Amino acid sequence: MDKSVILSAEKEAELLRPIDEYIGEIQSSIDELRKDGSEKIQTLLSHISLVKEDKNYNKEERENIIAADKAELAKAKEVEAANKAKV
C-alpha cells in the first residue's frame, strides 16, 4: 500500500514554519555574536587599509588612527575567540 501524500504549497509552508522560525532564531543569535567579533574585525581591517592609503592624513594622524584601530581590533579578536564555540 502506498501511503505517500502530496501536500499543497500552503500545507508544506505551514509544516515548515516552526522549523524556519527556529532556524531564524538561531541565525539571529549567531549574527548578534558576530557583530562585535568577526564583523568588527573585518570593518577595522578595511578601515586600517583605507587610512594607510589616504593622503589627507599626515603621518602622525595616520599612525594615531591605525593605533586606535589596532587596539579595537585586539578587543574584537578577544570577543571573537570567546564566542567561537557558540557560533
Protein backbone atom coordinates (compact mmCIF):
# COMPACT_ATOMS: atom_id res chain seq x y z
CA MET A 1 0.00 0.00 0.00
CA ASP A 2 1.31 3.40 -0.99
CA LYS A 3 0.93 5.86 1.91
CA SER A 4 2.55 8.85 0.21
CA VAL A 5 0.67 12.13 0.31
CA ILE A 6 1.09 15.11 -1.94
CA LEU A 7 1.00 18.36 0.02
CA SER A 8 -0.18 21.69 -1.28
CA ALA A 9 2.32 24.52 -1.19
CA GLU A 10 0.33 26.14 1.64
CA LYS A 11 0.32 22.95 3.74
CA GLU A 12 4.05 22.46 3.17
CA ALA A 13 4.74 26.06 4.21
CA GLU A 14 2.60 25.55 7.32
CA LEU A 15 4.57 22.42 8.27
CA LEU A 16 7.91 24.14 7.66
CA ARG A 17 7.05 27.36 9.54
CA PRO A 18 8.18 26.16 13.03
CA ILE A 19 11.47 24.93 11.59
CA ASP A 20 12.05 28.20 9.73
CA GLU A 21 11.26 30.21 12.88
CA TYR A 22 13.65 28.09 14.96
CA ILE A 23 16.44 28.43 12.40
CA GLY A 24 15.75 32.17 12.21
CA GLU A 25 16.21 32.47 15.99
CA ILE A 26 19.50 30.57 15.81
CA GLN A 27 20.72 32.76 12.94
CA SER A 28 19.79 35.92 14.86
CA SER A 29 21.81 34.69 17.84
CA ILE A 30 24.80 33.93 15.64
CA ASP A 31 24.55 37.33 13.93
CA GLU A 32 24.47 39.06 17.32
CA LEU A 33 27.56 37.14 18.47
CA ARG A 34 29.44 38.04 15.29
CA LYS A 35 28.57 41.75 15.45
CA ASP A 36 31.28 42.65 17.97
CA GLY A 37 33.65 39.91 16.83
CA SER A 38 34.28 38.83 13.26
CA GLU A 39 32.22 41.60 11.63
CA LYS A 40 34.04 44.27 13.62
CA ILE A 41 37.39 42.68 12.74
CA GLN A 42 36.59 42.93 9.02
CA THR A 43 35.44 46.54 9.40
CA LEU A 44 38.57 47.55 11.30
CA LEU A 45 40.91 45.80 8.88
CA SER A 46 39.23 47.61 5.98
CA HIS A 47 39.47 50.93 7.81
CA ILE A 48 43.16 50.43 8.57
CA SER A 49 43.80 49.66 4.92
CA LEU A 50 41.93 52.78 3.79
CA VAL A 51 43.72 55.01 6.29
CA LYS A 52 47.10 53.74 5.11
CA GLU A 53 46.24 54.82 1.57
CA ASP A 54 44.52 58.11 2.47
CA LYS A 55 46.79 61.05 1.61
CA ASN A 56 44.57 63.52 3.51
CA TYR A 57 46.20 62.48 6.79
CA ASN A 58 49.71 63.38 7.80
CA LYS A 59 51.97 60.62 9.12
CA GLU A 60 51.18 61.29 12.79
CA GLU A 61 47.40 61.34 12.24
CA ARG A 62 47.61 58.13 10.24
CA GLU A 63 49.66 56.41 12.96
CA ASN A 64 47.23 57.54 15.69
CA ILE A 65 44.17 56.30 13.80
CA ILE A 66 45.84 52.98 12.99
CA ALA A 67 46.97 52.54 16.61
CA ALA A 68 43.41 53.16 17.86
CA ASP A 69 42.00 50.72 15.29
CA LYS A 70 44.55 48.08 16.26
CA ALA A 71 43.57 48.44 19.93
CA GLU A 72 39.92 47.92 18.99
CA LEU A 73 40.97 45.07 16.72
CA ALA A 74 42.60 43.27 19.65
CA LYS A 75 39.37 43.60 21.67
CA ALA A 76 37.28 42.35 18.74
CA LYS A 77 39.57 39.32 18.37
CA GLU A 78 39.09 38.53 22.06
CA VAL A 79 35.30 38.72 21.63
CA GLU A 80 35.51 36.53 18.53
CA ALA A 81 37.59 33.94 20.40
CA ALA A 82 35.20 33.96 23.37
CA ASN A 83 32.18 33.45 21.10
CA LYS A 84 33.74 30.93 18.72
CA ALA A 85 32.27 27.87 20.43
CA LYS A 86 28.80 29.42 20.49
CA VAL A 87 28.93 30.41 16.84
